[in-house]
Amino acid sequence: MKRFFLPCNFLFLISILLVTGAYAMFRSNLNPQNPCVAKWSGEREPVLIAANSSPQTDIYAQTEALFKEKRYDDVIRLLSGPAYAEPSNFRLNILLAEAQLEKCAILKAKGDMSYRLIINQAYRTGRLLNKVDKTRPEPYYIVAKSLLINDRVYRALRAIKKALYYSPHNADYLIVLGDGCFILAEHEEASGQAIRLLSIAKDAYERAIKIRKEDEEFKKNVEKKIRELSVRLKSRKERHIEEW
C-alpha cells in the first residue's frame, strides 16, 4: 500500500509544479511589453465614445440636415421615437412637428386626406409645448399652421399673432399670417374688409421676402403669392368703387 501511495504523491506534486509553471508563462505572455500581445491589442483596440457626445445632439443634427433637404418622411421616422419619449424636449419635438406640418401641406396640395391624422399630432405637440413655456414662439407657430392647414383660419390667425409678438421678424410666421388673411379675404363679402385683409397679407409677404432675401426658392414662391394677391386686390378695389 505504501509503495502505491508514494508514487501517487510524487505524481501529484509534479502536476502542481507543471500547472504553476504554465500559468506563469501564460501571464508573462499577456504582459503589454510582449510585442505579440501589443500587436494583437493594437489590431483590436476598442472604440471609445467621447465623454461629451450626446445621442440627442447627434439625432437632432442628422434630422435637421434631412429637414433642410426636404426629406420630411425621414425626419418623422427618425424623430418620432426620441421626441415622443421626451415630450418636453423643445428641439426634438419642434423639429418633428415642423416636418409633420410640411408633410401635411404636401399631402393636402395633392388632395390626400390622410394629412388630417398627421396634422392632429403636430397640433397636440404645439399645445403641449405651449403649456411648458408660453413665451416661446415656436409652439404658437405650430398650432397656427396646424389650424391653417386644417381650415381653422380665425383660430390660426390668433395663434400666429402671438408667435409674431415674441418673434416679429420670422419669415415663416409672416407667411402664415399672410396666408390666413389671403384666405379670409377670398370669402369676405364686404369689399372694404377684403381690401384690408389683402393689404395685410401683401405687407406680410413683402416683409418675409426682405427677411429671407438670400433664399431664392423662398423668394420665388412668395412672389407668386404676391402676384395672385395683387390680381385679387385690384379686382376688389374696382368692385369697391362700383359699390360707392
Protein backbone atom coordinates (compact mmCIF):
# COMPACT_ATOMS: atom_id res chain seq x y z
CA MET A 1 0.00 0.00 0.00
CA LYS A 2 2.81 2.42 0.90
CA ARG A 3 4.58 1.58 -2.36
CA PHE A 4 1.42 2.61 -4.25
CA PHE A 5 0.82 5.76 -2.16
CA LEU A 6 4.30 7.27 -2.57
CA PRO A 7 4.29 7.27 -6.41
CA CYS A 8 0.85 8.90 -6.36
CA ASN A 9 2.09 11.70 -4.12
CA PHE A 10 5.10 12.20 -6.36
CA LEU A 11 2.89 12.46 -9.48
CA PHE A 12 0.57 14.92 -7.70
CA LEU A 13 3.48 17.23 -6.79
CA ILE A 14 4.82 17.09 -10.36
CA SER A 15 1.35 18.06 -11.68
CA ILE A 16 1.17 21.10 -9.38
CA LEU A 17 4.60 22.29 -10.48
CA LEU A 18 3.73 21.89 -14.16
CA VAL A 19 0.42 23.78 -13.82
CA THR A 20 2.07 26.63 -11.86
CA GLY A 21 4.80 26.98 -14.45
CA ALA A 22 2.35 27.01 -17.33
CA TYR A 23 0.25 29.69 -15.64
CA ALA A 24 3.35 31.84 -15.05
CA MET A 25 4.28 31.56 -18.71
CA PHE A 26 0.71 32.48 -19.72
CA ARG A 27 0.78 35.59 -17.51
CA SER A 28 4.12 36.70 -18.90
CA ASN A 29 2.80 36.36 -22.46
CA LEU A 30 -0.05 38.75 -21.59
CA ASN A 31 2.37 41.45 -20.48
CA PRO A 32 1.80 44.63 -22.59
CA GLN A 33 5.57 44.73 -23.18
CA ASN A 34 5.29 41.49 -25.12
CA PRO A 35 5.44 42.51 -28.82
CA CYS A 36 2.97 39.82 -29.86
CA VAL A 37 0.45 40.98 -27.30
CA ALA A 38 1.00 44.61 -28.24
CA LYS A 39 0.30 43.83 -31.90
CA TRP A 40 -2.82 41.81 -31.00
CA SER A 41 -4.11 44.65 -28.80
CA GLY A 42 -3.44 47.28 -31.43
CA GLU A 43 -5.44 45.38 -34.02
CA ARG A 44 -8.40 45.13 -31.66
CA GLU A 45 -8.33 48.49 -29.93
CA PRO A 46 -11.83 49.21 -28.59
CA VAL A 47 -13.80 52.17 -29.95
CA LEU A 48 -14.27 54.74 -27.22
CA ILE A 49 -17.26 57.11 -27.08
CA ALA A 50 -16.31 60.67 -26.26
CA ALA A 51 -17.44 61.78 -22.87
CA ASN A 52 -19.18 64.84 -24.28
CA SER A 53 -21.05 63.03 -27.07
CA SER A 54 -24.83 63.17 -26.91
CA PRO A 55 -27.26 60.87 -28.78
CA GLN A 56 -29.84 63.68 -28.73
CA THR A 57 -27.40 66.13 -30.30
CA ASP A 58 -26.45 63.60 -32.97
CA ILE A 59 -30.07 62.76 -33.89
CA TYR A 60 -31.02 66.43 -33.97
CA ALA A 61 -28.11 67.37 -36.24
CA GLN A 62 -28.87 64.47 -38.54
CA THR A 63 -32.60 65.18 -38.81
CA GLU A 64 -32.08 68.93 -39.12
CA ALA A 65 -29.91 68.27 -42.18
CA LEU A 66 -32.61 65.99 -43.59
CA PHE A 67 -35.23 68.66 -42.96
CA LYS A 68 -33.22 71.19 -44.96
CA GLU A 69 -33.12 68.64 -47.78
CA LYS A 70 -36.95 68.39 -47.52
CA ARG A 71 -36.77 64.71 -46.60
CA TYR A 72 -39.69 65.06 -44.23
CA ASP A 73 -40.59 61.37 -44.14
CA ASP A 74 -37.10 60.51 -42.92
CA VAL A 75 -37.24 63.22 -40.26
CA ILE A 76 -40.59 61.91 -39.00
CA ARG A 77 -39.36 58.31 -38.99
CA LEU A 78 -36.16 59.08 -37.08
CA LEU A 79 -37.59 61.57 -34.58
CA SER A 80 -40.93 60.00 -33.66
CA GLY A 81 -39.44 57.70 -31.01
CA PRO A 82 -36.97 60.10 -29.34
CA ALA A 83 -39.35 63.08 -29.44
CA TYR A 84 -42.34 61.26 -28.00
CA ALA A 85 -40.12 59.70 -25.33
CA GLU A 86 -39.31 63.24 -24.13
CA PRO A 87 -42.45 65.34 -24.69
CA SER A 88 -40.91 68.42 -23.04
CA ASN A 89 -37.79 68.40 -25.23
CA PHE A 90 -38.33 71.52 -27.33
CA ARG A 91 -35.75 70.99 -30.04
CA LEU A 92 -36.71 67.44 -30.96
CA ASN A 93 -40.46 67.97 -30.76
CA ILE A 94 -40.44 71.27 -32.65
CA LEU A 95 -38.40 69.79 -35.49
CA LEU A 96 -40.67 66.74 -35.65
CA ALA A 97 -43.82 68.90 -35.66
CA GLU A 98 -42.42 71.16 -38.39
CA ALA A 99 -41.63 68.12 -40.54
CA GLN A 100 -45.19 66.88 -39.98
CA LEU A 101 -46.58 70.27 -41.00
CA GLU A 102 -44.59 70.29 -44.23
CA LYS A 103 -45.66 66.73 -44.96
CA CYS A 104 -49.31 67.66 -44.36
CA ALA A 105 -49.09 70.69 -46.65
CA ILE A 106 -47.77 68.45 -49.44
CA LEU A 107 -50.47 65.81 -48.89
CA LYS A 108 -53.26 68.40 -48.81
CA ALA A 109 -52.00 70.00 -52.04
CA LYS A 110 -52.25 66.56 -53.66
CA GLY A 111 -55.77 66.05 -52.33
CA ASP A 112 -54.64 63.26 -49.99
CA MET A 113 -56.88 63.46 -46.92
CA SER A 114 -54.54 61.32 -44.82
CA TYR A 115 -52.91 64.59 -43.77
CA ARG A 116 -55.67 65.02 -41.17
CA LEU A 117 -54.22 62.26 -38.98
CA ILE A 118 -50.72 63.72 -39.05
CA ILE A 119 -51.84 67.31 -38.55
CA ASN A 120 -53.52 66.41 -35.27
CA GLN A 121 -50.23 65.07 -33.95
CA ALA A 122 -48.46 68.33 -34.77
CA TYR A 123 -51.27 70.36 -33.22
CA ARG A 124 -51.11 68.37 -29.97
CA THR A 125 -47.35 68.83 -29.85
CA GLY A 126 -47.71 72.59 -30.21
CA ARG A 127 -50.31 72.74 -27.47
CA LEU A 128 -48.19 70.65 -25.11
CA LEU A 129 -45.06 72.74 -25.66
CA ASN A 130 -47.06 75.90 -25.18
CA LYS A 131 -48.05 74.68 -21.71
CA VAL A 132 -44.38 74.10 -20.90
CA ASP A 133 -43.35 77.63 -21.92
CA LYS A 134 -45.87 80.26 -23.02
CA THR A 135 -43.15 82.74 -24.03
CA ARG A 136 -41.68 80.57 -26.79
CA PRO A 137 -42.99 81.50 -30.28
CA GLU A 138 -42.48 78.07 -31.89
CA PRO A 139 -45.45 76.33 -30.23
CA TYR A 140 -47.77 79.15 -31.31
CA TYR A 141 -46.47 78.79 -34.87
CA ILE A 142 -47.00 75.01 -34.85
CA VAL A 143 -50.55 75.44 -33.56
CA ALA A 144 -51.27 78.25 -36.05
CA LYS A 145 -50.02 76.38 -39.10
CA SER A 146 -51.81 73.20 -37.98
CA LEU A 147 -55.07 75.13 -37.73
CA LEU A 148 -54.49 76.87 -41.06
CA ILE A 149 -53.87 73.59 -42.90
CA ASN A 150 -56.98 72.22 -41.19
CA ASP A 151 -59.03 75.22 -42.43
CA ARG A 152 -59.45 76.81 -38.98
CA VAL A 153 -58.37 80.22 -40.23
CA TYR A 154 -59.65 82.54 -37.48
CA ARG A 155 -58.01 80.48 -34.75
CA ALA A 156 -54.84 80.20 -36.82
CA LEU A 157 -54.57 83.98 -37.07
CA ARG A 158 -54.98 84.40 -33.32
CA ALA A 159 -52.18 81.91 -32.69
CA ILE A 160 -49.76 83.31 -35.28
CA LYS A 161 -50.18 86.83 -33.91
CA LYS A 162 -48.92 85.51 -30.56
CA ALA A 163 -45.92 83.92 -32.28
CA LEU A 164 -45.16 87.22 -34.03
CA TYR A 165 -45.47 89.06 -30.75
CA TYR A 166 -42.47 87.10 -29.42
CA SER A 167 -40.65 86.88 -32.77
CA PRO A 168 -41.79 89.68 -35.12
CA HIS A 169 -39.07 89.16 -37.73
CA ASN A 170 -39.63 85.49 -38.52
CA ALA A 171 -40.38 84.97 -42.22
CA ASP A 172 -42.22 81.68 -41.73
CA TYR A 173 -44.56 83.26 -39.19
CA LEU A 174 -45.27 86.15 -41.56
CA ILE A 175 -46.17 83.70 -44.33
CA VAL A 176 -48.78 82.05 -42.09
CA LEU A 177 -50.20 85.49 -41.28
CA GLY A 178 -50.32 86.38 -44.99
CA ASP A 179 -51.89 83.07 -46.00
CA GLY A 180 -54.55 83.36 -43.31
CA CYS A 181 -55.53 86.89 -44.33
CA PHE A 182 -55.50 85.91 -48.01
CA ILE A 183 -57.89 83.02 -47.37
CA LEU A 184 -60.26 85.16 -45.29
CA ALA A 185 -60.31 87.86 -47.97
CA GLU A 186 -61.40 85.30 -50.55
CA HIS A 187 -64.53 84.56 -48.51
CA GLU A 188 -65.24 88.11 -47.40
CA GLU A 189 -68.39 89.68 -48.83
CA ALA A 190 -67.58 93.29 -47.90
CA SER A 191 -65.05 94.69 -50.35
CA GLY A 192 -63.64 97.15 -47.82
CA GLN A 193 -62.83 94.35 -45.36
CA ALA A 194 -61.41 92.17 -48.14
CA ILE A 195 -59.12 95.00 -49.23
CA ARG A 196 -57.88 95.44 -45.66
CA LEU A 197 -57.13 91.71 -45.33
CA LEU A 198 -55.37 91.55 -48.69
CA SER A 199 -53.28 94.59 -47.77
CA ILE A 200 -52.20 92.92 -44.52
CA ALA A 201 -51.32 89.75 -46.44
CA LYS A 202 -49.30 91.66 -49.04
CA ASP A 203 -47.39 93.53 -46.37
CA ALA A 204 -46.63 90.26 -44.54
CA TYR A 205 -45.35 88.62 -47.74
CA GLU A 206 -43.16 91.58 -48.63
CA ARG A 207 -41.66 91.68 -45.14
CA ALA A 208 -40.97 87.94 -45.33
CA ILE A 209 -39.08 88.36 -48.60
CA LYS A 210 -36.91 91.09 -47.11
CA ILE A 211 -36.03 88.84 -44.17
CA ARG A 212 -35.20 85.84 -46.39
CA LYS A 213 -33.89 87.75 -49.40
CA GLU A 214 -30.96 85.34 -49.82
CA ASP A 215 -33.28 82.33 -50.20
CA GLU A 216 -34.12 82.31 -53.90
CA GLU A 217 -36.61 79.45 -53.75
CA PHE A 218 -38.46 81.06 -50.85
CA LYS A 219 -38.49 84.41 -52.65
CA LYS A 220 -39.85 82.83 -55.84
CA ASN A 221 -42.71 81.10 -54.01
CA VAL A 222 -43.71 84.23 -52.08
CA GLU A 223 -43.55 86.44 -55.15
CA LYS A 224 -46.01 84.06 -56.80
CA LYS A 225 -48.37 84.59 -53.85
CA ILE A 226 -47.99 88.36 -54.21
CA ARG A 227 -48.87 88.25 -57.92
CA GLU A 228 -52.02 86.24 -57.21
CA LEU A 229 -52.90 88.56 -54.36
CA SER A 230 -52.37 91.68 -56.47
CA VAL A 231 -54.92 90.45 -59.01
CA ARG A 232 -57.47 89.89 -56.22
CA LEU A 233 -56.68 93.23 -54.65
CA LYS A 234 -57.17 95.10 -57.93
CA SER A 235 -60.48 93.34 -58.52
CA ARG A 236 -61.69 94.15 -55.02
CA LYS A 237 -60.75 97.80 -55.32
CA GLU A 238 -62.66 98.10 -58.60
CA ARG A 239 -65.66 96.42 -57.02
CA HIS A 240 -65.41 98.69 -54.00
CA ILE A 241 -65.52 101.78 -56.27
CA GLU A 242 -68.61 100.44 -58.02
CA GLU A 243 -70.33 99.86 -54.68
CA TRP A 244 -69.75 103.50 -53.79
